[in-house]
Amino acid sequence: TIFYDGGCPLCVKEMRHLKKLDKPGNIQFENINADDFRDRYPAI
């Protein structure tokens, strides 16, 4: 699981590229700026 900055254009570009290459779906992408992020990941 990658916790990335969804407000950073460079970060998002890399995550898009990784997601496109991740054919088996082994990576979960979590935007730390999502409204519910703190609720879903209180330890982060």
PDB file of all heavy atoms in Angstrom:
ATOM      1  N   THR A   1       0.872  -1.172   0.000  1.00  0.00           N
ATOM      2  CA  THR A   1       0.000   0.000   0.000  1.00  0.00           C
ATOM      3  C   THR A   1       0.905   1.217   0.000  1.00  0.00           C
ATOM      4  O   THR A   1       1.817   1.312   0.826  1.00  0.00           O
ATOM      5  CB  THR A   1      -0.920   0.035   1.241  1.00  0.00           C
ATOM      6  OG1 THR A   1      -1.711  -1.151   1.252  1.00  0.00           O
ATOM      7  CG2 THR A   1      -1.828   1.258   1.223  1.00  0.00           C
ATOM      8  N   ILE A   2       0.661   2.124  -0.938  1.00  0.00           N
ATOM      9  CA  ILE A   2       1.440   3.360  -1.022  1.00  0.00           C
ATOM     10  C   ILE A   2       0.549   4.504  -0.569  1.00  0.00           C
ATOM     11  O   ILE A   2      -0.560   4.671  -1.069  1.00  0.00           O
ATOM     12  CB  ILE A   2       1.913   3.641  -2.461  1.00  0.00           C
ATOM     13  CG1 ILE A   2       2.777   2.509  -2.984  1.00  0.00           C
ATOM     14  CG2 ILE A   2       2.672   4.969  -2.517  1.00  0.00           C
ATOM     15  CD1 ILE A   2       3.171   2.678  -4.437  1.00  0.00           C
ATOM     16  N   PHE A   3       1.059   5.292   0.378  1.00  0.00           N
ATOM     17  CA  PHE A   3       0.356   6.462   0.883  1.00  0.00           C
ATOM     18  C   PHE A   3       1.007   7.678   0.224  1.00  0.00           C
ATOM     19  O   PHE A   3       2.089   8.103   0.624  1.00  0.00           O
ATOM     20  CB  PHE A   3       0.463   6.521   2.403  1.00  0.00           C
ATOM     21  CG  PHE A   3      -0.072   5.275   3.055  1.00  0.00           C
ATOM     22  CD1 PHE A   3       0.783   4.284   3.501  1.00  0.00           C
ATOM     23  CD2 PHE A   3      -1.434   5.085   3.204  1.00  0.00           C
ATOM     24  CE1 PHE A   3       0.295   3.128   4.097  1.00  0.00           C
ATOM     25  CE2 PHE A   3      -1.934   3.930   3.795  1.00  0.00           C
ATOM     26  CZ  PHE A   3      -1.072   2.944   4.245  1.00  0.00           C
ATOM     27  N   TYR A   4       0.341   8.221  -0.777  1.00  0.00           N
ATOM     28  CA  TYR A   4       0.945   9.268  -1.602  1.00  0.00           C
ATOM     29  C   TYR A   4       0.207  10.600  -1.439  1.00  0.00           C
ATOM     30  O   TYR A   4      -0.942  10.644  -1.015  1.00  0.00           O
ATOM     31  CB  TYR A   4       0.965   8.845  -3.074  1.00  0.00           C
ATOM     32  CG  TYR A   4      -0.397   8.822  -3.705  1.00  0.00           C
ATOM     33  CD1 TYR A   4      -0.868   9.914  -4.437  1.00  0.00           C
ATOM     34  CD2 TYR A   4      -1.233   7.729  -3.559  1.00  0.00           C
ATOM     35  CE1 TYR A   4      -2.135   9.905  -4.996  1.00  0.00           C
ATOM     36  CE2 TYR A   4      -2.491   7.713  -4.113  1.00  0.00           C
ATOM     37  CZ  TYR A   4      -2.945   8.802  -4.828  1.00  0.00           C
ATOM     38  OH  TYR A   4      -4.198   8.798  -5.368  1.00  0.00           O
ATOM     39  N   ASP A   5       0.882  11.676  -1.828  1.00  0.00           N
ATOM     40  CA  ASP A   5       0.318  13.025  -1.801  1.00  0.00           C
ATOM     41  C   ASP A   5      -0.462  13.257  -3.086  1.00  0.00           C
ATOM     42  O   ASP A   5       0.115  13.509  -4.128  1.00  0.00           O
ATOM     43  CB  ASP A   5       1.442  14.060  -1.660  1.00  0.00           C
ATOM     44  CG  ASP A   5       0.956  15.497  -1.689  1.00  0.00           C
ATOM     45  OD1 ASP A   5      -0.271  15.728  -1.757  1.00  0.00           O
ATOM     46  OD2 ASP A   5       1.808  16.399  -1.643  1.00  0.00           O
ATOM     47  N   GLY A   6      -1.782  13.171  -2.996  1.00  0.00           N
ATOM     48  CA  GLY A   6      -2.635  13.339  -4.158  1.00  0.00           C
ATOM     49  C   GLY A   6      -2.740  14.768  -4.651  1.00  0.00           C
ATOM     50  O   GLY A   6      -3.383  15.025  -5.664  1.00  0.00           O
ATOM     51  N   GLY A   7      -2.110  15.704  -3.961  1.00  0.00           N
ATOM     52  CA  GLY A   7      -2.099  17.096  -4.411  1.00  0.00           C
ATOM     53  C   GLY A   7      -0.825  17.472  -5.136  1.00  0.00           C
ATOM     54  O   GLY A   7      -0.660  18.596  -5.591  1.00  0.00           O
ATOM     55  N   CYS A   8       0.090  16.534  -5.248  1.00  0.00           N
ATOM     56  CA  CYS A   8       1.382  16.774  -5.904  1.00  0.00           C
ATOM     57  C   CYS A   8       1.332  16.216  -7.323  1.00  0.00           C
ATOM     58  O   CYS A   8       1.234  14.993  -7.497  1.00  0.00           O
ATOM     59  CB  CYS A   8       2.490  16.099  -5.105  1.00  0.00           C
ATOM     60  SG  CYS A   8       4.078  15.986  -5.952  1.00  0.00           S
ATOM     61  N   PRO A   9       1.391  17.075  -8.327  1.00  0.00           N
ATOM     62  CA  PRO A   9       1.326  16.586  -9.713  1.00  0.00           C
ATOM     63  C   PRO A   9       2.390  15.542 -10.061  1.00  0.00           C
ATOM     64  O   PRO A   9       2.088  14.578 -10.771  1.00  0.00           O
ATOM     65  CB  PRO A   9       1.496  17.860 -10.549  1.00  0.00           C
ATOM     66  CG  PRO A   9       0.975  18.952  -9.669  1.00  0.00           C
ATOM     67  CD  PRO A   9       1.387  18.546  -8.276  1.00  0.00           C
ATOM     68  N   LEU A  10       3.608  15.705  -9.555  1.00  0.00           N
ATOM     69  CA  LEU A  10       4.654  14.708  -9.844  1.00  0.00           C
ATOM     70  C   LEU A  10       4.346  13.375  -9.175  1.00  0.00           C
ATOM     71  O   LEU A  10       4.530  12.314  -9.780  1.00  0.00           O
ATOM     72  CB  LEU A  10       6.023  15.210  -9.381  1.00  0.00           C
ATOM     73  CG  LEU A  10       6.680  16.280 -10.228  1.00  0.00           C
ATOM     74  CD1 LEU A  10       8.001  16.711  -9.592  1.00  0.00           C
ATOM     75  CD2 LEU A  10       6.909  15.796 -11.641  1.00  0.00           C
ATOM     76  N   CYS A  11       3.881  13.438  -7.932  1.00  0.00           N
ATOM     77  CA  CYS A  11       3.543  12.213  -7.204  1.00  0.00           C
ATOM     78  C   CYS A  11       2.417  11.477  -7.915  1.00  0.00           C
ATOM     79  O   CYS A  11       2.479  10.256  -8.113  1.00  0.00           O
ATOM     80  CB  CYS A  11       3.115  12.541  -5.771  1.00  0.00           C
ATOM     81  SG  CYS A  11       4.337  13.484  -4.839  1.00  0.00           S
ATOM     82  N   VAL A  12       1.391  12.217  -8.312  1.00  0.00           N
ATOM     83  CA  VAL A  12       0.250  11.622  -8.996  1.00  0.00           C
ATOM     84  C   VAL A  12       0.683  11.026 -10.331  1.00  0.00           C
ATOM     85  O   VAL A  12       0.239   9.930 -10.705  1.00  0.00           O
ATOM     86  CB  VAL A  12      -0.884  12.660  -9.164  1.00  0.00           C
ATOM     87  CG1 VAL A  12      -1.958  12.158 -10.103  1.00  0.00           C
ATOM     88  CG2 VAL A  12      -1.461  13.012  -7.802  1.00  0.00           C
ATOM     89  N   LYS A  13       1.562  11.696 -11.027  1.00  0.00           N
ATOM     90  CA  LYS A  13       2.050  11.168 -12.310  1.00  0.00           C
ATOM     91  C   LYS A  13       2.745   9.823 -12.109  1.00  0.00           C
ATOM     92  O   LYS A  13       2.516   8.879 -12.877  1.00  0.00           O
ATOM     93  CB  LYS A  13       3.001  12.180 -12.964  1.00  0.00           C
ATOM     94  CG  LYS A  13       3.465  11.755 -14.326  1.00  0.00           C
ATOM     95  CD  LYS A  13       4.289  12.822 -14.998  1.00  0.00           C
ATOM     96  CE  LYS A  13       4.684  12.348 -16.379  1.00  0.00           C
ATOM     97  NZ  LYS A  13       5.209  13.378 -17.211  1.00  0.00           N
ATOM     98  N   GLU A  14       3.579   9.723 -11.078  1.00  0.00           N
ATOM     99  CA  GLU A  14       4.257   8.450 -10.814  1.00  0.00           C
ATOM    100  C   GLU A  14       3.252   7.374 -10.417  1.00  0.00           C
ATOM    101  O   GLU A  14       3.353   6.223 -10.863  1.00  0.00           O
ATOM    102  CB  GLU A  14       5.330   8.595  -9.730  1.00  0.00           C
ATOM    103  CG  GLU A  14       6.053   7.286  -9.478  1.00  0.00           C
ATOM    104  CD  GLU A  14       7.202   7.367  -8.509  1.00  0.00           C
ATOM    105  OE1 GLU A  14       7.411   8.419  -7.886  1.00  0.00           O
ATOM    106  OE2 GLU A  14       7.891   6.344  -8.368  1.00  0.00           O
ATOM    107  N   MET A  15       2.267   7.717  -9.594  1.00  0.00           N
ATOM    108  CA  MET A  15       1.261   6.738  -9.173  1.00  0.00           C
ATOM    109  C   MET A  15       0.433   6.259 -10.371  1.00  0.00           C
ATOM    110  O   MET A  15       0.121   5.083 -10.482  1.00  0.00           O
ATOM    111  CB  MET A  15       0.336   7.306  -8.095  1.00  0.00           C
ATOM    112  CG  MET A  15       1.024   7.634  -6.765  1.00  0.00           C
ATOM    113  SD  MET A  15       1.954   6.276  -6.043  1.00  0.00           S
ATOM    114  CE  MET A  15       3.619   6.957  -6.095  1.00  0.00           C
ATOM    115  N   ARG A  16       0.097   7.164 -11.269  1.00  0.00           N
ATOM    116  CA  ARG A  16      -0.631   6.773 -12.492  1.00  0.00           C
ATOM    117  C   ARG A  16       0.191   5.766 -13.298  1.00  0.00           C
ATOM    118  O   ARG A  16      -0.334   4.778 -13.815  1.00  0.00           O
ATOM    119  CB  ARG A  16      -0.907   7.993 -13.372  1.00  0.00           C
ATOM    120  CG  ARG A  16      -2.063   8.818 -12.949  1.00  0.00           C
ATOM    121  CD  ARG A  16      -2.283   9.964 -13.933  1.00  0.00           C
ATOM    122  NE  ARG A  16      -3.259  10.886 -13.408  1.00  0.00           N
ATOM    123  CZ  ARG A  16      -3.175  12.205 -13.501  1.00  0.00           C
ATOM    124  NH1 ARG A  16      -2.167  12.773 -14.138  1.00  0.00           N
ATOM    125  NH2 ARG A  16      -4.109  12.966 -12.989  1.00  0.00           N
ATOM    126  N   HIS A  17       1.482   6.060 -13.429  1.00  0.00           N
ATOM    127  CA  HIS A  17       2.359   5.175 -14.194  1.00  0.00           C
ATOM    128  C   HIS A  17       2.446   3.805 -13.527  1.00  0.00           C
ATOM    129  O   HIS A  17       2.333   2.764 -14.196  1.00  0.00           O
ATOM    130  CB  HIS A  17       3.732   5.822 -14.345  1.00  0.00           C
ATOM    131  CG  HIS A  17       4.617   5.152 -15.340  1.00  0.00           C
ATOM    132  ND1 HIS A  17       4.333   5.123 -16.687  1.00  0.00           N
ATOM    133  CD2 HIS A  17       5.770   4.464 -15.180  1.00  0.00           C
ATOM    134  CE1 HIS A  17       5.284   4.445 -17.314  1.00  0.00           C
ATOM    135  NE2 HIS A  17       6.156   4.029 -16.422  1.00  0.00           N
ATOM    136  N   LEU A  18       2.632   3.796 -12.216  1.00  0.00           N
ATOM    137  CA  LEU A  18       2.704   2.526 -11.485  1.00  0.00           C
ATOM    138  C   LEU A  18       1.395   1.750 -11.619  1.00  0.00           C
ATOM    139  O   LEU A  18       1.405   0.536 -11.848  1.00  0.00           O
ATOM    140  CB  LEU A  18       3.007   2.770 -10.008  1.00  0.00           C
ATOM    141  CG  LEU A  18       4.454   3.064  -9.656  1.00  0.00           C
ATOM    142  CD1 LEU A  18       4.562   3.610  -8.236  1.00  0.00           C
ATOM    143  CD2 LEU A  18       5.301   1.804  -9.804  1.00  0.00           C
ATOM    144  N   LYS A  19       0.280   2.450 -11.475  1.00  0.00           N
ATOM    145  CA  LYS A  19      -1.017   1.781 -11.554  1.00  0.00           C
ATOM    146  C   LYS A  19      -1.219   1.150 -12.935  1.00  0.00           C
ATOM    147  O   LYS A  19      -1.728   0.034 -13.055  1.00  0.00           O
ATOM    148  CB  LYS A  19      -2.138   2.764 -11.246  1.00  0.00           C
ATOM    149  CG  LYS A  19      -3.485   2.104 -11.101  1.00  0.00           C
ATOM    150  CD  LYS A  19      -4.518   3.067 -10.562  1.00  0.00           C
ATOM    151  CE  LYS A  19      -5.807   2.311 -10.277  1.00  0.00           C
ATOM    152  NZ  LYS A  19      -6.807   3.145  -9.657  1.00  0.00           N
ATOM    153  N   LYS A  20      -0.797   1.850 -13.966  1.00  0.00           N
ATOM    154  CA  LYS A  20      -0.912   1.328 -15.336  1.00  0.00           C
ATOM    155  C   LYS A  20      -0.070   0.059 -15.495  1.00  0.00           C
ATOM    156  O   LYS A  20      -0.494  -0.891 -16.171  1.00  0.00           O
ATOM    157  CB  LYS A  20      -0.443   2.403 -16.320  1.00  0.00           C
ATOM    158  CG  LYS A  20      -0.521   2.003 -17.760  1.00  0.00           C
ATOM    159  CD  LYS A  20      -0.051   3.142 -18.649  1.00  0.00           C
ATOM    160  CE  LYS A  20       0.093   2.695 -20.083  1.00  0.00           C
ATOM    161  NZ  LYS A  20       0.689   3.735 -20.921  1.00  0.00           N
ATOM    162  N   LEU A  21       1.112   0.027 -14.888  1.00  0.00           N
ATOM    163  CA  LEU A  21       2.004  -1.126 -14.995  1.00  0.00           C
ATOM    164  C   LEU A  21       1.612  -2.275 -14.069  1.00  0.00           C
ATOM    165  O   LEU A  21       2.038  -3.414 -14.290  1.00  0.00           O
ATOM    166  CB  LEU A  21       3.443  -0.706 -14.696  1.00  0.00           C
ATOM    167  CG  LEU A  21       4.084   0.266 -15.681  1.00  0.00           C
ATOM    168  CD1 LEU A  21       5.437   0.728 -15.153  1.00  0.00           C
ATOM    169  CD2 LEU A  21       4.217  -0.362 -17.057  1.00  0.00           C
ATOM    170  N   ASP A  22       0.816  -1.985 -13.063  1.00  0.00           N
ATOM    171  CA  ASP A  22       0.446  -2.979 -12.046  1.00  0.00           C
ATOM    172  C   ASP A  22      -0.711  -3.850 -12.530  1.00  0.00           C
ATOM    173  O   ASP A  22      -1.806  -3.827 -11.981  1.00  0.00           O
ATOM    174  CB  ASP A  22       0.085  -2.273 -10.731  1.00  0.00           C
ATOM    175  CG  ASP A  22      -0.186  -3.238  -9.595  1.00  0.00           C
ATOM    176  OD1 ASP A  22       0.352  -4.360  -9.605  1.00  0.00           O
ATOM    177  OD2 ASP A  22      -0.968  -2.863  -8.689  1.00  0.00           O
ATOM    178  N   LYS A  23      -0.456  -4.634 -13.556  1.00  0.00           N
ATOM    179  CA  LYS A  23      -1.487  -5.491 -14.159  1.00  0.00           C
ATOM    180  C   LYS A  23      -2.106  -6.476 -13.166  1.00  0.00           C
ATOM    181  O   LYS A  23      -3.315  -6.671 -13.174  1.00  0.00           O
ATOM    182  CB  LYS A  23      -0.924  -6.255 -15.360  1.00  0.00           C
ATOM    183  CG  LYS A  23      -0.341  -5.381 -16.442  1.00  0.00           C
ATOM    184  CD  LYS A  23      -1.393  -4.607 -17.181  1.00  0.00           C
ATOM    185  CE  LYS A  23      -0.760  -3.900 -18.368  1.00  0.00           C
ATOM    186  NZ  LYS A  23      -1.261  -2.584 -18.609  1.00  0.00           N
ATOM    187  N   PRO A  24      -1.300  -7.107 -12.284  1.00  0.00           N
ATOM    188  CA  PRO A  24      -1.913  -8.041 -11.342  1.00  0.00           C
ATOM    189  C   PRO A  24      -2.657  -7.350 -10.182  1.00  0.00           C
ATOM    190  O   PRO A  24      -3.367  -7.997  -9.422  1.00  0.00           O
ATOM    191  CB  PRO A  24      -0.749  -8.868 -10.818  1.00  0.00           C
ATOM    192  CG  PRO A  24       0.492  -8.208 -11.259  1.00  0.00           C
ATOM    193  CD  PRO A  24       0.145  -7.173 -12.291  1.00  0.00           C
ATOM    194  N   GLY A  25      -2.505  -6.045 -10.036  1.00  0.00           N
ATOM    195  CA  GLY A  25      -3.189  -5.320  -8.962  1.00  0.00           C
ATOM    196  C   GLY A  25      -2.585  -5.573  -7.592  1.00  0.00           C
ATOM    197  O   GLY A  25      -3.307  -5.684  -6.598  1.00  0.00           O
ATOM    198  N   ASN A  26      -1.268  -5.641  -7.521  1.00  0.00           N
ATOM    199  CA  ASN A  26      -0.573  -5.900  -6.263  1.00  0.00           C
ATOM    200  C   ASN A  26      -0.415  -4.670  -5.380  1.00  0.00           C
ATOM    201  O   ASN A  26      -0.050  -4.789  -4.213  1.00  0.00           O
ATOM    202  CB  ASN A  26       0.817  -6.484  -6.530  1.00  0.00           C
ATOM    203  CG  ASN A  26       0.740  -7.888  -7.064  1.00  0.00           C
ATOM    204  OD1 ASN A  26      -0.167  -8.645  -6.749  1.00  0.00           O
ATOM    205  ND2 ASN A  26       1.695  -8.253  -7.903  1.00  0.00           N
ATOM    206  N   ILE A  27      -0.659  -3.494  -5.936  1.00  0.00           N
ATOM    207  CA  ILE A  27      -0.430  -2.250  -5.200  1.00  0.00           C
ATOM    208  C   ILE A  27      -1.763  -1.562  -4.925  1.00  0.00           C
ATOM    209  O   ILE A  27      -2.603  -1.431  -5.811  1.00  0.00           O
ATOM    210  CB  ILE A  27       0.484  -1.286  -5.986  1.00  0.00           C
ATOM    211  CG1 ILE A  27       1.824  -1.955  -6.326  1.00  0.00           C
ATOM    212  CG2 ILE A  27       0.716  -0.002  -5.192  1.00  0.00           C
ATOM    213  CD1 ILE A  27       2.711  -1.142  -7.264  1.00  0.00           C
ATOM    214  N   GLN A  28      -1.914  -1.119  -3.702  1.00  0.00           N
ATOM    215  CA  GLN A  28      -3.072  -0.308  -3.314  1.00  0.00           C
ATOM    216  C   GLN A  28      -2.571   1.129  -3.171  1.00  0.00           C
ATOM    217  O   GLN A  28      -1.560   1.378  -2.501  1.00  0.00           O
ATOM    218  CB  GLN A  28      -3.648  -0.801  -1.995  1.00  0.00           C
ATOM    219  CG  GLN A  28      -4.839  -0.007  -1.519  1.00  0.00           C
ATOM    220  CD  GLN A  28      -5.470  -0.634  -0.292  1.00  0.00           C
ATOM    221  OE1 GLN A  28      -5.408  -1.841  -0.103  1.00  0.00           O
ATOM    222  NE2 GLN A  28      -6.052   0.197   0.534  1.00  0.00           N
ATOM    223  N   PHE A  29      -3.249   2.065  -3.783  1.00  0.00           N
ATOM    224  CA  PHE A  29      -2.859   3.474  -3.770  1.00  0.00           C
ATOM    225  C   PHE A  29      -3.796   4.244  -2.859  1.00  0.00           C
ATOM    226  O   PHE A  29      -5.009   4.233  -3.075  1.00  0.00           O
ATOM    227  CB  PHE A  29      -2.915   4.037  -5.193  1.00  0.00           C
ATOM    228  CG  PHE A  29      -2.005   3.325  -6.151  1.00  0.00           C
ATOM    229  CD1 PHE A  29      -2.442   2.218  -6.858  1.00  0.00           C
ATOM    230  CD2 PHE A  29      -0.697   3.753  -6.339  1.00  0.00           C
ATOM    231  CE1 PHE A  29      -1.616   1.545  -7.742  1.00  0.00           C
ATOM    232  CE2 PHE A  29       0.143   3.096  -7.223  1.00  0.00           C
ATOM    233  CZ  PHE A  29      -0.317   1.989  -7.917  1.00  0.00           C
ATOM    234  N   GLU A  30      -3.245   4.928  -1.859  1.00  0.00           N
ATOM    235  CA  GLU A  30      -4.049   5.684  -0.905  1.00  0.00           C
ATOM    236  C   GLU A  30      -3.582   7.133  -0.866  1.00  0.00           C
ATOM    237  O   GLU A  30      -2.435   7.426  -0.512  1.00  0.00           O
ATOM    238  CB  GLU A  30      -3.959   5.077   0.493  1.00  0.00           C
ATOM    239  CG  GLU A  30      -4.601   3.709   0.613  1.00  0.00           C
ATOM    240  CD  GLU A  30      -6.122   3.750   0.478  1.00  0.00           C
ATOM    241  OE1 GLU A  30      -6.726   4.825   0.666  1.00  0.00           O
ATOM    242  OE2 GLU A  30      -6.705   2.680   0.208  1.00  0.00           O
ATOM    243  N   ASN A  31      -4.487   8.029  -1.217  1.00  0.00           N
ATOM    244  CA  ASN A  31      -4.216   9.467  -1.213  1.00  0.00           C
ATOM    245  C   ASN A  31      -4.318   9.991   0.220  1.00  0.00           C
ATOM    246  O   ASN A  31      -5.396   9.920   0.819  1.00  0.00           O
ATOM    247  CB  ASN A  31      -5.230  10.164  -2.124  1.00  0.00           C
ATOM    248  CG  ASN A  31      -5.051  11.660  -2.188  1.00  0.00           C
ATOM    249  OD1 ASN A  31      -4.247  12.254  -1.473  1.00  0.00           O
ATOM    250  ND2 ASN A  31      -5.829  12.291  -3.035  1.00  0.00           N
ATOM    251  N   ILE A  32      -3.235  10.515   0.745  1.00  0.00           N
ATOM    252  CA  ILE A  32      -3.247  11.012   2.130  1.00  0.00           C
ATOM    253  C   ILE A  32      -4.116  12.249   2.299  1.00  0.00           C
ATOM    254  O   ILE A  32      -4.412  12.646   3.424  1.00  0.00           O
ATOM    255  CB  ILE A  32      -1.814  11.294   2.653  1.00  0.00           C
ATOM    256  CG1 ILE A  32      -1.143  12.404   1.854  1.00  0.00           C
ATOM    257  CG2 ILE A  32      -0.991  10.015   2.672  1.00  0.00           C
ATOM    258  CD1 ILE A  32       0.175  12.889   2.432  1.00  0.00           C
ATOM    259  N   ASN A  33      -4.549  12.847   1.201  1.00  0.00           N
ATOM    260  CA  ASN A  33      -5.409  14.028   1.262  1.00  0.00           C
ATOM    261  C   ASN A  33      -6.893  13.688   1.124  1.00  0.00           C
ATOM    262  O   ASN A  33      -7.730  14.590   1.135  1.00  0.00           O
ATOM    263  CB  ASN A  33      -5.025  15.033   0.170  1.00  0.00           C
ATOM    264  CG  ASN A  33      -3.594  15.500   0.335  1.00  0.00           C
ATOM    265  OD1 ASN A  33      -3.176  15.866   1.415  1.00  0.00           O
ATOM    266  ND2 ASN A  33      -2.835  15.461  -0.739  1.00  0.00           N
ATOM    267  N   ALA A  34      -7.214  12.417   0.989  1.00  0.00           N
ATOM    268  CA  ALA A  34      -8.621  12.013   0.883  1.00  0.00           C
ATOM    269  C   ALA A  34      -9.355  12.393   2.167  1.00  0.00           C
ATOM    270  O   ALA A  34      -8.786  12.318   3.269  1.00  0.00           O
ATOM    271  CB  ALA A  34      -8.726  10.509   0.638  1.00  0.00           C
ATOM    272  N   ASP A  35     -10.599  12.801   2.022  1.00  0.00           N
ATOM    273  CA  ASP A  35     -11.387  13.255   3.173  1.00  0.00           C
ATOM    274  C   ASP A  35     -11.461  12.227   4.296  1.00  0.00           C
ATOM    275  O   ASP A  35     -11.467  12.591   5.463  1.00  0.00           O
ATOM    276  CB  ASP A  35     -12.814  13.626   2.734  1.00  0.00           C
ATOM    277  CG  ASP A  35     -12.844  14.862   1.846  1.00  0.00           C
ATOM    278  OD1 ASP A  35     -11.895  15.688   1.926  1.00  0.00           O
ATOM    279  OD2 ASP A  35     -13.810  14.996   1.077  1.00  0.00           O
ATOM    280  N   ASP A  36     -11.523  10.959   3.950  1.00  0.00           N
ATOM    281  CA  ASP A  36     -11.674   9.917   4.973  1.00  0.00           C
ATOM    282  C   ASP A  36     -10.363   9.213   5.333  1.00  0.00           C
ATOM    283  O   ASP A  36     -10.375   8.200   6.034  1.00  0.00           O
ATOM    284  CB  ASP A  36     -12.708   8.894   4.514  1.00  0.00           C
ATOM    285  CG  ASP A  36     -12.295   8.165   3.239  1.00  0.00           C
ATOM    286  OD1 ASP A  36     -11.343   8.614   2.552  1.00  0.00           O
ATOM    287  OD2 ASP A  36     -12.933   7.138   2.927  1.00  0.00           O
ATOM    288  N   PHE A  37      -9.238   9.755   4.876  1.00  0.00           N
ATOM    289  CA  PHE A  37      -7.955   9.072   5.098  1.00  0.00           C
ATOM    290  C   PHE A  37      -7.669   8.867   6.586  1.00  0.00           C
ATOM    291  O   PHE A  37      -7.324   7.769   7.009  1.00  0.00           O
ATOM    292  CB  PHE A  37      -6.788   9.833   4.454  1.00  0.00           C
ATOM    293  CG  PHE A  37      -5.469   9.136   4.643  1.00  0.00           C
ATOM    294  CD1 PHE A  37      -5.105   8.096   3.803  1.00  0.00           C
ATOM    295  CD2 PHE A  37      -4.612   9.485   5.676  1.00  0.00           C
ATOM    296  CE1 PHE A  37      -3.900   7.418   3.982  1.00  0.00           C
ATOM    297  CE2 PHE A  37      -3.412   8.821   5.866  1.00  0.00           C
ATOM    298  CZ  PHE A  37      -3.057   7.778   5.013  1.00  0.00           C
ATOM    299  N   ARG A  38      -7.821   9.906   7.395  1.00  0.00           N
ATOM    300  CA  ARG A  38      -7.518   9.797   8.839  1.00  0.00           C
ATOM    301  C   ARG A  38      -8.424   8.773   9.524  1.00  0.00           C
ATOM    302  O   ARG A  38      -7.991   8.107  10.458  1.00  0.00           O
ATOM    303  CB  ARG A  38      -7.619  11.148   9.512  1.00  0.00           C
ATOM    304  CG  ARG A  38      -6.519  12.110   9.108  1.00  0.00           C
ATOM    305  CD  ARG A  38      -6.696  13.474   9.813  1.00  0.00           C
ATOM    306  NE  ARG A  38      -5.914  14.505   9.196  1.00  0.00           N
ATOM    307  CZ  ARG A  38      -4.714  14.917   9.625  1.00  0.00           C
ATOM    308  NH1 ARG A  38      -4.160  14.362  10.667  1.00  0.00           N
ATOM    309  NH2 ARG A  38      -4.069  15.879   8.998  1.00  0.00           N
ATOM    310  N   ASP A  39      -9.654   8.641   9.057  1.00  0.00           N
ATOM    311  CA  ASP A  39     -10.559   7.654   9.633  1.00  0.00           C
ATOM    312  C   ASP A  39     -10.140   6.239   9.259  1.00  0.00           C
ATOM    313  O   ASP A  39     -10.198   5.323  10.077  1.00  0.00           O
ATOM    314  CB  ASP A  39     -11.998   7.891   9.150  1.00  0.00           C
ATOM    315  CG  ASP A  39     -12.573   9.204   9.643  1.00  0.00           C
ATOM    316  OD1 ASP A  39     -12.172   9.678  10.723  1.00  0.00           O
ATOM    317  OD2 ASP A  39     -13.420   9.772   8.932  1.00  0.00           O
ATOM    318  N   ARG A  40      -9.727   6.056   8.009  1.00  0.00           N
ATOM    319  CA  ARG A  40      -9.344   4.717   7.540  1.00  0.00           C
ATOM    320  C   ARG A  40      -7.956   4.298   7.988  1.00  0.00           C
ATOM    321  O   ARG A  40      -7.676   3.108   8.134  1.00  0.00           O
ATOM    322  CB  ARG A  40      -9.443   4.643   6.018  1.00  0.00           C
ATOM    323  CG  ARG A  40     -10.887   4.716   5.530  1.00  0.00           C
ATOM    324  CD  ARG A  40     -11.049   4.544   4.027  1.00  0.00           C
ATOM    325  NE  ARG A  40     -10.344   5.578   3.284  1.00  0.00           N
ATOM    326  CZ  ARG A  40      -9.353   5.352   2.425  1.00  0.00           C
ATOM    327  NH1 ARG A  40      -8.940   4.137   2.190  1.00  0.00           N
ATOM    328  NH2 ARG A  40      -8.776   6.346   1.781  1.00  0.00           N
ATOM    329  N   TYR A  41      -7.067   5.274   8.190  1.00  0.00           N
ATOM    330  CA  TYR A  41      -5.677   4.972   8.571  1.00  0.00           C
ATOM    331  C   TYR A  41      -5.248   5.838   9.759  1.00  0.00           C
ATOM    332  O   TYR A  41      -4.354   6.671   9.637  1.00  0.00           O
ATOM    333  CB  TYR A  41      -4.737   5.207   7.375  1.00  0.00           C
ATOM    334  CG  TYR A  41      -5.004   4.262   6.245  1.00  0.00           C
ATOM    335  CD1 TYR A  41      -5.783   4.653   5.155  1.00  0.00           C
ATOM    336  CD2 TYR A  41      -4.498   2.963   6.269  1.00  0.00           C
ATOM    337  CE1 TYR A  41      -6.052   3.783   4.116  1.00  0.00           C
ATOM    338  CE2 TYR A  41      -4.758   2.086   5.227  1.00  0.00           C
ATOM    339  CZ  TYR A  41      -5.536   2.500   4.159  1.00  0.00           C
ATOM    340  OH  TYR A  41      -5.797   1.628   3.135  1.00  0.00           O
ATOM    341  N   PRO A  42      -5.866   5.639  10.908  1.00  0.00           N
ATOM    342  CA  PRO A  42      -5.551   6.497  12.063  1.00  0.00           C
ATOM    343  C   PRO A  42      -4.106   6.371  12.558  1.00  0.00           C
ATOM    344  O   PRO A  42      -3.582   7.300  13.182  1.00  0.00           O
ATOM    345  CB  PRO A  42      -6.549   6.050  13.137  1.00  0.00           C
ATOM    346  CG  PRO A  42      -6.966   4.674  12.731  1.00  0.00           C
ATOM    347  CD  PRO A  42      -6.869   4.635  11.231  1.00  0.00           C
ATOM    348  N   ALA A  43      -3.457   5.269  12.247  1.00  0.00           N
ATOM    349  CA  ALA A  43      -2.072   5.074  12.706  1.00  0.00           C
ATOM    350  C   ALA A  43      -1.059   5.805  11.841  1.00  0.00           C
ATOM    351  O   ALA A  43       0.111   5.923  12.215  1.00  0.00           O
ATOM    352  CB  ALA A  43      -1.742   3.585  12.742  1.00  0.00           C
ATOM    353  N   ILE A  44      -1.481   6.317  10.681  1.00  0.00           N
ATOM    354  CA  ILE A  44      -0.563   7.013   9.775  1.00  0.00           C
ATOM    355  C   ILE A  44      -0.693   8.513   9.997  1.00  0.00           C
ATOM    356  O   ILE A  44      -1.775   9.082   9.854  1.00  0.00           O
ATOM    357  CB  ILE A  44      -0.885   6.702   8.298  1.00  0.00           C
ATOM    358  CG1 ILE A  44      -0.949   5.212   8.095  1.00  0.00           C
ATOM    359  CG2 ILE A  44       0.066   7.438   7.364  1.00  0.00           C
ATOM    360  CD1 ILE A  44       0.195   4.563   7.441  1.00  0.00           C
TER     361      ILE A  44
END
